[in-house]
PDB file of N, CA and C in Angstrom:
ATOM      1  N   MET A   1     -20.093 -73.991 204.463  1.00  0.00           N
ATOM      2  CA  MET A   1     -19.572 -72.838 203.753  1.00  0.00           C
ATOM      3  C   MET A   1     -18.734 -73.849 202.898  1.00  0.00           C
ATOM      4  N   ASN A   2     -18.160 -72.283 202.352  1.00  0.00           N
ATOM      5  CA  ASN A   2     -17.632 -72.617 200.581  1.00  0.00           C
ATOM      6  C   ASN A   2     -15.950 -71.571 201.103  1.00  0.00           C
ATOM      7  N   ILE A   3     -15.576 -72.876 200.449  1.00  0.00           N
ATOM      8  CA  ILE A   3     -13.892 -71.956 201.072  1.00  0.00           C
ATOM      9  C   ILE A   3     -12.697 -72.270 199.372  1.00  0.00           C
ATOM     10  N   TYR A   4     -12.061 -70.967 199.452  1.00  0.00           N
ATOM     11  CA  TYR A   4     -11.807 -70.847 198.350  1.00  0.00           C
ATOM     12  C   TYR A   4     -10.103 -70.496 198.886  1.00  0.00           C
ATOM     13  N   VAL A   5      -9.164 -71.848 197.675  1.00  0.00           N
ATOM     14  CA  VAL A   5      -8.212 -72.793 198.116  1.00  0.00           C
ATOM     15  C   VAL A   5      -7.878 -71.881 196.511  1.00  0.00           C
ATOM     16  N   ALA A   6      -6.355 -71.111 196.721  1.00  0.00           N
ATOM     17  CA  ALA A   6      -5.611 -71.102 195.423  1.00  0.00           C
ATOM     18  C   ALA A   6      -3.967 -71.627 195.940  1.00  0.00           C
ATOM     19  N   ASN A   7      -3.199 -71.259 194.724  1.00  0.00           N
ATOM     20  CA  ASN A   7      -1.854 -71.900 194.892  1.00  0.00           C
ATOM     21  C   ASN A   7      -1.712 -73.687 194.776  1.00  0.00           C
ATOM     22  N   ILE A   8      -3.193 -73.771 194.164  1.00  0.00           N
ATOM     23  CA  ILE A   8      -3.074 -75.830 193.514  1.00  0.00           C
ATOM     24  C   ILE A   8      -2.042 -74.856 192.434  1.00  0.00           C
ATOM     25  N   PRO A   9      -1.351 -76.490 193.013  1.00  0.00           N
ATOM     26  CA  PRO A   9      -0.781 -77.284 192.091  1.00  0.00           C
ATOM     27  C   PRO A   9      -1.037 -77.958 190.983  1.00  0.00           C
ATOM     28  N   TRP A  10      -0.421 -78.151 189.536  1.00  0.00           N
ATOM     29  CA  TRP A  10      -1.429 -77.888 188.125  1.00  0.00           C
ATOM     30  C   TRP A  10      -1.546 -79.567 188.188  1.00  0.00           C
ATOM     31  N   LYS A  11      -0.728 -81.030 188.791  1.00  0.00           N
ATOM     32  CA  LYS A  11      -1.029 -81.871 189.143  1.00  0.00           C
ATOM     33  C   LYS A  11      -2.017 -82.720 190.489  1.00  0.00           C
ATOM     34  N   ALA A  12      -1.985 -81.695 190.593  1.00  0.00           N
ATOM     35  CA  ALA A  12      -3.613 -81.989 191.626  1.00  0.00           C
ATOM     36  C   ALA A  12      -4.896 -82.880 190.630  1.00  0.00           C
ATOM     37  N   SER A  13      -5.535 -82.919 191.481  1.00  0.00           N
ATOM     38  CA  SER A  13      -6.659 -83.697 191.204  1.00  0.00           C
ATOM     39  C   SER A  13      -7.596 -83.656 192.173  1.00  0.00           C
ATOM     40  N   GLU A  14      -8.925 -82.786 191.988  1.00  0.00           N
ATOM     41  CA  GLU A  14     -10.437 -82.884 192.620  1.00  0.00           C
ATOM     42  C   GLU A  14     -10.447 -83.598 194.138  1.00  0.00           C
ATOM     43  N   ASP A  15      -9.777 -85.185 193.552  1.00  0.00           N
ATOM     44  CA  ASP A  15     -10.103 -85.764 194.933  1.00  0.00           C
ATOM     45  C   ASP A  15      -9.345 -85.812 195.750  1.00  0.00           C
ATOM     46  N   GLN A  16      -7.896 -85.320 195.683  1.00  0.00           N
ATOM     47  CA  GLN A  16      -6.397 -85.191 195.974  1.00  0.00           C
ATOM     48  C   GLN A  16      -7.132 -83.394 197.431  1.00  0.00           C
ATOM     49  N   LEU A  17      -7.885 -82.983 196.528  1.00  0.00           N
ATOM     50  CA  LEU A  17      -8.409 -82.161 197.510  1.00  0.00           C
ATOM     51  C   LEU A  17      -9.722 -82.038 198.307  1.00  0.00           C
ATOM     52  N   LYS A  18      -9.761 -82.931 197.925  1.00  0.00           N
ATOM     53  CA  LYS A  18     -11.084 -83.465 198.632  1.00  0.00           C
ATOM     54  C   LYS A  18     -10.904 -84.128 200.460  1.00  0.00           C
ATOM     55  N   GLN A  19      -9.640 -85.132 199.232  1.00  0.00           N
ATOM     56  CA  GLN A  19      -8.778 -85.942 200.024  1.00  0.00           C
ATOM     57  C   GLN A  19      -7.864 -85.422 201.282  1.00  0.00           C
ATOM     58  N   LEU A  20      -8.047 -83.662 200.948  1.00  0.00           N
ATOM     59  CA  LEU A  20      -6.829 -83.154 202.500  1.00  0.00           C
ATOM     60  C   LEU A  20      -7.962 -82.487 202.841  1.00  0.00           C
ATOM     61  N   PHE A  21      -9.323 -81.471 202.925  1.00  0.00           N
ATOM     62  CA  PHE A  21      -9.737 -81.342 203.367  1.00  0.00           C
ATOM     63  C   PHE A  21     -11.320 -82.191 204.096  1.00  0.00           C
ATOM     64  N   ALA A  22     -11.243 -83.665 203.680  1.00  0.00           N
ATOM     65  CA  ALA A  22     -12.161 -84.621 204.205  1.00  0.00           C
ATOM     66  C   ALA A  22     -11.339 -85.176 205.799  1.00  0.00           C
ATOM     67  N   GLU A  23      -9.999 -84.563 206.064  1.00  0.00           N
ATOM     68  CA  GLU A  23      -9.039 -84.921 207.245  1.00  0.00           C
ATOM     69  C   GLU A  23     -10.313 -83.868 208.862  1.00  0.00           C
ATOM     70  N   TYR A  24     -10.731 -83.009 208.041  1.00  0.00           N
ATOM     71  CA  TYR A  24     -10.865 -81.660 209.084  1.00  0.00           C
ATOM     72  C   TYR A  24     -12.851 -82.217 208.875  1.00  0.00           C
ATOM     73  N   GLY A  25     -13.875 -82.758 208.600  1.00  0.00           N
ATOM     74  CA  GLY A  25     -14.790 -83.048 207.861  1.00  0.00           C
ATOM     75  C   GLY A  25     -15.599 -83.217 206.906  1.00  0.00           C
ATOM     76  N   GLU A  26     -16.705 -83.353 206.267  1.00  0.00           N
ATOM     77  CA  GLU A  26     -17.381 -83.818 205.449  1.00  0.00           C
ATOM     78  C   GLU A  26     -17.250 -83.220 204.460  1.00  0.00           C
ATOM     79  N   VAL A  27     -16.537 -83.368 203.287  1.00  0.00           N
ATOM     80  CA  VAL A  27     -17.023 -82.273 202.118  1.00  0.00           C
ATOM     81  C   VAL A  27     -17.479 -82.875 201.542  1.00  0.00           C
ATOM     82  N   SER A  28     -18.527 -81.828 201.217  1.00  0.00           N
ATOM     83  CA  SER A  28     -19.214 -81.860 199.484  1.00  0.00           C
ATOM     84  C   SER A  28     -19.212 -81.867 199.101  1.00  0.00           C
ATOM     85  N   SER A  29     -18.329 -80.822 198.223  1.00  0.00           N
ATOM     86  CA  SER A  29     -18.004 -81.117 196.942  1.00  0.00           C
ATOM     87  C   SER A  29     -16.386 -80.196 196.964  1.00  0.00           C
ATOM     88  N   ALA A  30     -15.606 -80.461 195.709  1.00  0.00           N
ATOM     89  CA  ALA A  30     -13.708 -80.184 195.495  1.00  0.00           C
ATOM     90  C   ALA A  30     -13.881 -79.916 194.145  1.00  0.00           C
ATOM     91  N   LYS A  31     -14.143 -78.768 194.170  1.00  0.00           N
ATOM     92  CA  LYS A  31     -13.934 -77.934 191.935  1.00  0.00           C
ATOM     93  C   LYS A  31     -12.703 -77.872 191.855  1.00  0.00           C
ATOM     94  N   ILE A  32     -11.543 -78.134 191.419  1.00  0.00           N
ATOM     95  CA  ILE A  32     -10.575 -76.897 190.787  1.00  0.00           C
ATOM     96  C   ILE A  32     -10.851 -76.585 189.061  1.00  0.00           C
ATOM     97  N   VAL A  33     -10.501 -75.542 189.169  1.00  0.00           N
ATOM     98  CA  VAL A  33     -11.286 -74.446 188.058  1.00  0.00           C
ATOM     99  C   VAL A  33     -10.153 -74.654 187.071  1.00  0.00           C
ATOM    100  N   MET A  34     -10.870 -75.183 185.624  1.00  0.00           N
ATOM    101  CA  MET A  34      -9.922 -75.960 184.807  1.00  0.00           C
ATOM    102  C   MET A  34     -10.538 -74.311 183.611  1.00  0.00           C
ATOM    103  N   ASP A  35      -8.604 -74.261 182.513  1.00  0.00           N
ATOM    104  CA  ASP A  35      -8.991 -73.172 181.575  1.00  0.00           C
ATOM    105  C   ASP A  35      -9.392 -73.865 180.405  1.00  0.00           C
ATOM    106  N   LYS A  36     -10.561 -73.266 179.818  1.00  0.00           N
ATOM    107  CA  LYS A  36     -11.487 -73.108 178.877  1.00  0.00           C
ATOM    108  C   LYS A  36     -10.994 -73.876 177.986  1.00  0.00           C
ATOM    109  N   VAL A  37     -10.004 -73.353 177.065  1.00  0.00           N
ATOM    110  CA  VAL A  37      -9.318 -72.909 175.465  1.00  0.00           C
ATOM    111  C   VAL A  37      -8.273 -73.880 176.519  1.00  0.00           C
ATOM    112  N   THR A  38      -7.346 -74.106 177.435  1.00  0.00           N
ATOM    113  CA  THR A  38      -6.664 -75.401 177.410  1.00  0.00           C
ATOM    114  C   THR A  38      -6.649 -76.731 178.368  1.00  0.00           C
ATOM    115  N   GLN A  39      -7.445 -76.831 178.874  1.00  0.00           N
ATOM    116  CA  GLN A  39      -8.725 -77.703 179.700  1.00  0.00           C
ATOM    117  C   GLN A  39      -6.879 -77.827 180.955  1.00  0.00           C
ATOM    118  N   ARG A  40      -6.327 -77.236 181.843  1.00  0.00           N
ATOM    119  CA  ARG A  40      -5.251 -77.107 182.209  1.00  0.00           C
ATOM    120  C   ARG A  40      -5.813 -76.432 184.019  1.00  0.00           C
ATOM    121  N   SER A  41      -5.530 -76.971 185.018  1.00  0.00           N
ATOM    122  CA  SER A  41      -5.962 -76.589 186.469  1.00  0.00           C
ATOM    123  C   SER A  41      -5.770 -74.978 186.124  1.00  0.00           C
ATOM    124  N   ARG A  42      -6.330 -73.565 186.798  1.00  0.00           N
ATOM    125  CA  ARG A  42      -6.195 -72.037 187.104  1.00  0.00           C
ATOM    126  C   ARG A  42      -5.463 -72.366 188.179  1.00  0.00           C
ATOM    127  N   GLY A  43      -4.960 -73.162 189.001  1.00  0.00           N
ATOM    128  CA  GLY A  43      -4.205 -73.629 190.127  1.00  0.00           C
ATOM    129  C   GLY A  43      -5.369 -72.012 190.792  1.00  0.00           C
ATOM    130  N   PHE A  44      -6.427 -73.052 190.944  1.00  0.00           N
ATOM    131  CA  PHE A  44      -7.112 -72.308 192.488  1.00  0.00           C
ATOM    132  C   PHE A  44      -8.452 -72.874 192.353  1.00  0.00           C
ATOM    133  N   GLY A  45      -9.110 -73.007 193.222  1.00  0.00           N
ATOM    134  CA  GLY A  45     -10.377 -74.157 193.525  1.00  0.00           C
ATOM    135  C   GLY A  45     -11.792 -73.616 194.810  1.00  0.00           C
ATOM    136  N   PHE A  46     -12.348 -74.606 195.086  1.00  0.00           N
ATOM    137  CA  PHE A  46     -13.226 -73.920 195.922  1.00  0.00           C
ATOM    138  C   PHE A  46     -13.975 -75.563 197.226  1.00  0.00           C
ATOM    139  N   VAL A  47     -13.493 -75.659 197.712  1.00  0.00           N
ATOM    140  CA  VAL A  47     -14.297 -76.167 198.467  1.00  0.00           C
ATOM    141  C   VAL A  47     -15.380 -76.413 199.685  1.00  0.00           C
ATOM    142  N   GLU A  48     -16.571 -77.263 199.626  1.00  0.00           N
ATOM    143  CA  GLU A  48     -17.966 -76.791 200.389  1.00  0.00           C
ATOM    144  C   GLU A  48     -17.792 -77.547 200.823  1.00  0.00           C
ATOM    145  N   MET A  49     -17.560 -77.294 202.863  1.00  0.00           N
ATOM    146  CA  MET A  49     -17.991 -78.202 204.145  1.00  0.00           C
ATOM    147  C   MET A  49     -19.219 -77.902 204.515  1.00  0.00           C
ATOM    148  N   SER A  50     -20.119 -79.045 205.212  1.00  0.00           N
ATOM    149  CA  SER A  50     -21.553 -78.542 205.597  1.00  0.00           C
ATOM    150  C   SER A  50     -20.997 -78.133 206.891  1.00  0.00           C
ATOM    151  N   ASP A  51     -20.161 -78.022 207.614  1.00  0.00           N
ATOM    152  CA  ASP A  51     -19.993 -77.545 208.927  1.00  0.00           C
ATOM    153  C   ASP A  51     -18.944 -76.392 208.828  1.00  0.00           C
ATOM    154  N   ASP A  52     -20.099 -75.821 209.588  1.00  0.00           N
ATOM    155  CA  ASP A  52     -18.595 -74.367 209.794  1.00  0.00           C
ATOM    156  C   ASP A  52     -17.451 -74.566 210.258  1.00  0.00           C
ATOM    157  N   ALA A  53     -17.636 -75.258 211.988  1.00  0.00           N
ATOM    158  CA  ALA A  53     -16.564 -75.304 212.701  1.00  0.00           C
ATOM    159  C   ALA A  53     -15.796 -75.806 212.237  1.00  0.00           C
ATOM    160  N   ALA A  54     -15.868 -77.062 211.304  1.00  0.00           N
ATOM    161  CA  ALA A  54     -14.838 -78.004 210.127  1.00  0.00           C
ATOM    162  C   ALA A  54     -14.673 -76.992 209.474  1.00  0.00           C
ATOM    163  N   ALA A  55     -14.805 -76.501 208.613  1.00  0.00           N
ATOM    164  CA  ALA A  55     -14.469 -75.523 207.890  1.00  0.00           C
ATOM    165  C   ALA A  55     -13.166 -74.272 208.233  1.00  0.00           C
ATOM    166  N   ARG A  56     -13.784 -73.784 209.296  1.00  0.00           N
ATOM    167  CA  ARG A  56     -13.343 -72.948 210.005  1.00  0.00           C
ATOM    168  C   ARG A  56     -11.305 -73.647 210.577  1.00  0.00           C
ATOM    169  N   GLN A  57     -11.451 -74.593 210.811  1.00  0.00           N
ATOM    170  CA  GLN A  57     -10.165 -75.179 210.971  1.00  0.00           C
ATOM    171  C   GLN A  57      -9.863 -76.236 210.028  1.00  0.00           C
ATOM    172  N   ALA A  58     -10.601 -76.184 209.420  1.00  0.00           N
ATOM    173  CA  ALA A  58      -9.636 -76.680 207.605  1.00  0.00           C
ATOM    174  C   ALA A  58      -8.663 -75.587 207.191  1.00  0.00           C
ATOM    175  N   ILE A  59      -9.424 -74.266 207.378  1.00  0.00           N
ATOM    176  CA  ILE A  59      -8.892 -72.939 206.720  1.00  0.00           C
ATOM    177  C   ILE A  59      -7.564 -72.521 208.015  1.00  0.00           C
ATOM    178  N   ASN A  60      -7.443 -73.051 209.044  1.00  0.00           N
ATOM    179  CA  ASN A  60      -6.715 -71.914 210.203  1.00  0.00           C
ATOM    180  C   ASN A  60      -5.570 -73.029 209.945  1.00  0.00           C
ATOM    181  N   THR A  61      -6.096 -74.337 209.262  1.00  0.00           N
ATOM    182  CA  THR A  61      -4.641 -75.111 209.659  1.00  0.00           C
ATOM    183  C   THR A  61      -4.142 -74.984 208.131  1.00  0.00           C
ATOM    184  N   LEU A  62      -5.032 -75.386 207.189  1.00  0.00           N
ATOM    185  CA  LEU A  62      -4.133 -74.977 206.043  1.00  0.00           C
ATOM    186  C   LEU A  62      -3.399 -74.135 205.325  1.00  0.00           C
ATOM    187  N   ASN A  63      -4.429 -73.442 205.608  1.00  0.00           N
ATOM    188  CA  ASN A  63      -4.008 -71.295 204.620  1.00  0.00           C
ATOM    189  C   ASN A  63      -2.248 -71.561 205.492  1.00  0.00           C
ATOM    190  N   GLY A  64      -1.775 -71.546 204.476  1.00  0.00           N
ATOM    191  CA  GLY A  64      -0.091 -71.684 204.448  1.00  0.00           C
ATOM    192  C   GLY A  64       0.863 -73.675 204.373  1.00  0.00           C
ATOM    193  N   ALA A  65      -0.199 -74.122 204.659  1.00  0.00           N
ATOM    194  CA  ALA A  65       0.436 -75.875 204.534  1.00  0.00           C
ATOM    195  C   ALA A  65       0.762 -75.708 203.102  1.00  0.00           C
ATOM    196  N   ASP A  66       1.420 -76.902 202.821  1.00  0.00           N
ATOM    197  CA  ASP A  66       2.502 -77.854 202.411  1.00  0.00           C
ATOM    198  C   ASP A  66       1.229 -78.366 201.543  1.00  0.00           C
ATOM    199  N   PHE A  67       0.804 -78.791 200.394  1.00  0.00           N
ATOM    200  CA  PHE A  67      -0.104 -79.512 199.404  1.00  0.00           C
ATOM    201  C   PHE A  67       0.261 -80.038 198.176  1.00  0.00           C
ATOM    202  N   LEU A  68       1.181 -81.102 197.800  1.00  0.00           N
ATOM    203  CA  LEU A  68       2.245 -81.289 196.947  1.00  0.00           C
ATOM    204  C   LEU A  68       3.317 -81.123 196.063  1.00  0.00           C
ATOM    205  N   GLY A  69       3.852 -79.541 197.533  1.00  0.00           N
ATOM    206  CA  GLY A  69       5.285 -78.849 196.720  1.00  0.00           C
ATOM    207  C   GLY A  69       4.380 -77.629 196.896  1.00  0.00           C
ATOM    208  N   LYS A  70       3.298 -77.111 196.837  1.00  0.00           N
ATOM    209  CA  LYS A  70       3.275 -75.646 196.883  1.00  0.00           C
ATOM    210  C   LYS A  70       2.387 -74.922 198.520  1.00  0.00           C
ATOM    211  N   ASN A  71       2.400 -74.104 198.584  1.00  0.00           N
ATOM    212  CA  ASN A  71       1.807 -73.509 200.279  1.00  0.00           C
ATOM    213  C   ASN A  71       0.743 -73.097 199.497  1.00  0.00           C
ATOM    214  N   LEU A  72      -0.546 -73.767 200.223  1.00  0.00           N
ATOM    215  CA  LEU A  72      -2.336 -73.046 199.429  1.00  0.00           C
ATOM    216  C   LEU A  72      -2.588 -71.909 201.017  1.00  0.00           C
ATOM    217  N   VAL A  73      -3.063 -71.073 199.459  1.00  0.00           N
ATOM    218  CA  VAL A  73      -3.544 -69.882 199.776  1.00  0.00           C
ATOM    219  C   VAL A  73      -5.287 -70.374 200.720  1.00  0.00           C
ATOM    220  N   VAL A  74      -5.376 -70.531 201.927  1.00  0.00           N
ATOM    221  CA  VAL A  74      -7.066 -70.768 201.878  1.00  0.00           C
ATOM    222  C   VAL A  74      -8.494 -70.101 202.456  1.00  0.00           C
ATOM    223  N   ASN A  75      -9.194 -69.091 202.531  1.00  0.00           N
ATOM    224  CA  ASN A  75      -9.271 -68.446 203.120  1.00  0.00           C
ATOM    225  C   ASN A  75     -11.326 -68.549 202.004  1.00  0.00           C
ATOM    226  N   GLU A  76     -11.967 -68.112 203.401  1.00  0.00           N
ATOM    227  CA  GLU A  76     -13.372 -68.432 203.413  1.00  0.00           C
ATOM    228  C   GLU A  76     -13.360 -67.623 201.660  1.00  0.00           C
ATOM    229  N   ALA A  77     -14.824 -68.126 201.344  1.00  0.00           N
ATOM    230  CA  ALA A  77     -14.415 -67.345 200.160  1.00  0.00           C
ATOM    231  C   ALA A  77     -15.647 -66.416 199.898  1.00  0.00           C
ATOM    232  N   ARG A  78     -15.671 -65.501 199.546  1.00  0.00           N
ATOM    233  CA  ARG A  78     -16.597 -64.520 199.044  1.00  0.00           C
ATOM    234  C   ARG A  78     -18.016 -65.229 198.294  1.00  0.00           C
ATOM    235  N   PRO A  79     -18.866 -64.539 198.563  1.00  0.00           N
ATOM    236  CA  PRO A  79     -19.954 -64.117 197.216  1.00  0.00           C
ATOM    237  C   PRO A  79     -19.787 -63.788 196.560  1.00  0.00           C
ATOM    238  N   ARG A  80     -19.845 -63.997 195.231  1.00  0.00           N
ATOM    239  CA  ARG A  80     -19.145 -63.840 193.542  1.00  0.00           C
ATOM    240  C   ARG A  80     -20.205 -62.485 193.635  1.00  0.00           C
ATOM    241  N   GLU A  81     -19.806 -61.708 193.149  1.00  0.00           N
ATOM    242  CA  GLU A  81     -19.792 -60.333 191.955  1.00  0.00           C
ATOM    243  C   GLU A  81     -20.331 -60.481 191.780  1.00  0.00           C
ATOM    244  N   GLU A  82     -21.966 -59.452 191.278  1.00  0.00           N
ATOM    245  CA  GLU A  82     -22.479 -59.570 189.710  1.00  0.00           C
ATOM    246  C   GLU A  82     -21.673 -58.345 188.908  1.00  0.00           C
ATOM    247  N   ARG A  83     -20.781 -58.943 187.959  1.00  0.00           N
ATOM    248  CA  ARG A  83     -19.785 -57.920 187.007  1.00  0.00           C
ATOM    249  C   ARG A  83     -21.052 -57.713 186.469  1.00  0.00           C
ATOM    250  N   PRO A  84     -21.301 -56.608 185.485  1.00  0.00           N
ATOM    251  CA  PRO A  84     -21.898 -56.152 184.445  1.00  0.00           C
ATOM    252  C   PRO A  84     -21.665 -56.904 183.095  1.00  0.00           C
ATOM    253  N   ARG A  85     -22.423 -56.934 182.206  1.00  0.00           N
ATOM    254  CA  ARG A  85     -21.974 -58.192 180.832  1.00  0.00           C
ATOM    255  C   ARG A  85     -21.632 -57.532 179.988  1.00  0.00           C
ATOM    256  N   SER A  86     -20.250 -56.807 179.795  1.00  0.00           N
ATOM    257  CA  SER A  86     -20.415 -55.897 178.478  1.00  0.00           C
ATOM    258  C   SER A  86     -21.416 -56.671 177.088  1.00  0.00           C
ATOM    259  N   GLY A  87     -21.155 -56.105 176.010  1.00  0.00           N
ATOM    260  CA  GLY A  87     -21.803 -57.065 175.314  1.00  0.00           C
ATOM    261  C   GLY A  87     -20.739 -57.175 174.278  1.00  0.00           C
ATOM    262  N   GLY A  88     -19.115 -57.131 174.897  1.00  0.00           N
ATOM    263  CA  GLY A  88     -18.006 -57.897 173.745  1.00  0.00           C
ATOM    264  C   GLY A  88     -16.992 -57.101 173.607  1.00  0.00           C
ATOM    265  N   GLY A  89     -16.061 -57.251 172.850  1.00  0.00           N
ATOM    266  CA  GLY A  89     -14.490 -56.698 172.369  1.00  0.00           C
ATOM    267  C   GLY A  89     -14.904 -54.957 172.503  1.00  0.00           C
ATOM    268  N   GLY A  90     -16.034 -54.699 172.297  1.00  0.00           N
ATOM    269  CA  GLY A  90     -16.188 -52.370 171.914  1.00  0.00           C
ATOM    270  C   GLY A  90     -14.835 -52.887 171.256  1.00  0.00           C
ATOM    271  N   GLY A  91     -14.045 -51.120 170.914  1.00  0.00           N
ATOM    272  CA  GLY A  91     -13.106 -51.372 169.567  1.00  0.00           C
ATOM    273  C   GLY A  91     -13.518 -50.470 168.723  1.00  0.00           C
ATOM    274  N   PHE A  92     -12.729 -50.992 168.009  1.00  0.00           N
ATOM    275  CA  PHE A  92     -12.963 -49.555 166.633  1.00  0.00           C
ATOM    276  C   PHE A  92     -13.994 -50.195 166.169  1.00  0.00           C
ATOM    277  N   ARG A  93     -15.169 -50.130 165.837  1.00  0.00           N
ATOM    278  CA  ARG A  93     -16.056 -50.518 164.275  1.00  0.00           C
ATOM    279  C   ARG A  93     -15.839 -50.121 163.059  1.00  0.00           C
ATOM    280  N   ARG A  94     -16.112 -50.922 162.581  1.00  0.00           N
ATOM    281  CA  ARG A  94     -16.062 -50.256 160.641  1.00  0.00           C
ATOM    282  C   ARG A  94     -17.729 -50.928 159.961  1.00  0.00           C
ATOM    283  N   SER A  95     -18.147 -49.619 159.771  1.00  0.00           N
ATOM    284  CA  SER A  95     -18.813 -49.765 159.220  1.00  0.00           C
ATOM    285  C   SER A  95     -18.835 -49.854 157.429  1.00  0.00           C
ATOM    286  N   GLY A  96     -19.634 -50.973 156.379  1.00  0.00           N
ATOM    287  CA  GLY A  96     -18.849 -51.029 155.353  1.00  0.00           C
ATOM    288  C   GLY A  96     -19.270 -49.328 154.670  1.00  0.00           C
ATOM    289  N   GLY A  97     -18.292 -49.840 153.669  1.00  0.00           N
ATOM    290  CA  GLY A  97     -18.346 -48.547 153.394  1.00  0.00           C
ATOM    291  C   GLY A  97     -18.784 -48.822 150.903  1.00  0.00           C
ATOM    292  N   GLY A  98     -19.151 -47.587 151.077  1.00  0.00           N
ATOM    293  CA  GLY A  98     -19.960 -47.344 149.661  1.00  0.00           C
ATOM    294  C   GLY A  98     -18.694 -47.972 148.506  1.00  0.00           C
ATOM    295  N   GLY A  99     -19.300 -47.646 147.306  1.00  0.00           N
ATOM    296  CA  GLY A  99     -18.120 -47.159 146.615  1.00  0.00           C
ATOM    297  C   GLY A  99     -17.245 -46.100 146.402  1.00  0.00           C
ATOM    298  N   GLY A 100     -16.734 -45.783 147.307  1.00  0.00           N
ATOM    299  CA  GLY A 100     -15.814 -44.863 147.180  1.00  0.00           C
ATOM    300  C   GLY A 100     -16.755 -43.527 146.689  1.00  0.00           C
ATOM    301  N   TYR A 101     -15.432 -42.129 146.329  1.00  0.00           N
ATOM    302  CA  TYR A 101     -16.427 -41.531 145.310  1.00  0.00           C
ATOM    303  C   TYR A 101     -16.076 -41.752 143.563  1.00  0.00           C
ATOM    304  N   ASP A 102     -17.419 -40.791 143.107  1.00  0.00           N
ATOM    305  CA  ASP A 102     -16.989 -40.439 141.406  1.00  0.00           C
ATOM    306  C   ASP A 102     -15.559 -39.888 141.983  1.00  0.00           C
ATOM    307  N   ARG A 103     -14.766 -40.162 140.538  1.00  0.00           N
ATOM    308  CA  ARG A 103     -13.674 -38.656 140.456  1.00  0.00           C
ATOM    309  C   ARG A 103     -13.924 -37.899 139.705  1.00  0.00           C
ATOM    310  N   GLY A 104     -14.649 -38.556 138.637  1.00  0.00           N
ATOM    311  CA  GLY A 104     -14.112 -37.751 137.132  1.00  0.00           C
ATOM    312  C   GLY A 104     -16.180 -36.559 137.326  1.00  0.00           C
ATOM    313  N   GLY A 105     -16.474 -36.691 138.260  1.00  0.00           N
ATOM    314  CA  GLY A 105     -17.852 -35.933 138.441  1.00  0.00           C
ATOM    315  C   GLY A 105     -18.972 -36.286 137.891  1.00  0.00           C
ATOM    316  N   ARG A 106     -18.417 -37.770 137.014  1.00  0.00           N
ATOM    317  CA  ARG A 106     -20.033 -37.549 135.643  1.00  0.00           C
ATOM    318  C   ARG A 106     -20.438 -39.075 137.047  1.00  0.00           C
ATOM    319  N   SER A 107     -21.367 -39.432 136.646  1.00  0.00           N
ATOM    320  CA  SER A 107     -22.607 -40.444 137.001  1.00  0.00           C
ATOM    321  C   SER A 107     -23.218 -41.176 135.729  1.00  0.00           C
ATOM    322  N   GLU A 108     -22.858 -42.362 135.707  1.00  0.00           N
ATOM    323  CA  GLU A 108     -23.356 -43.577 135.072  1.00  0.00           C
ATOM    324  C   GLU A 108     -24.752 -43.884 135.259  1.00  0.00           C
ATOM    325  N   TYR A 109     -25.743 -42.809 135.999  1.00  0.00           N
ATOM    326  CA  TYR A 109     -26.971 -43.278 136.056  1.00  0.00           C
ATOM    327  C   TYR A 109     -28.218 -42.146 135.167  1.00  0.00           C
TER     328      TYR A 109
END
């Protein structure tokens, strides 16, 4: 079962998260999501446990529990929704300009 964990303290490590859930059963993986730019924790992550019964017990016990000074939010992860990818920022697009217009009405050509 894949478990969503929110409100993870920034100072927490993936090993600490894994150890916390390992008290309830075998943990396949523990991942804290990091910000791509700052490389800091985004405050949430995912824990995978192979035994669903152990995972449910961990969810029920750890939801609202104190972890390094913060109360965790723990629940079963929902499958990731496929969102359509946009081509980028949209917004105002400016096409390159020609040379303006000939004010004098005469042409060099």
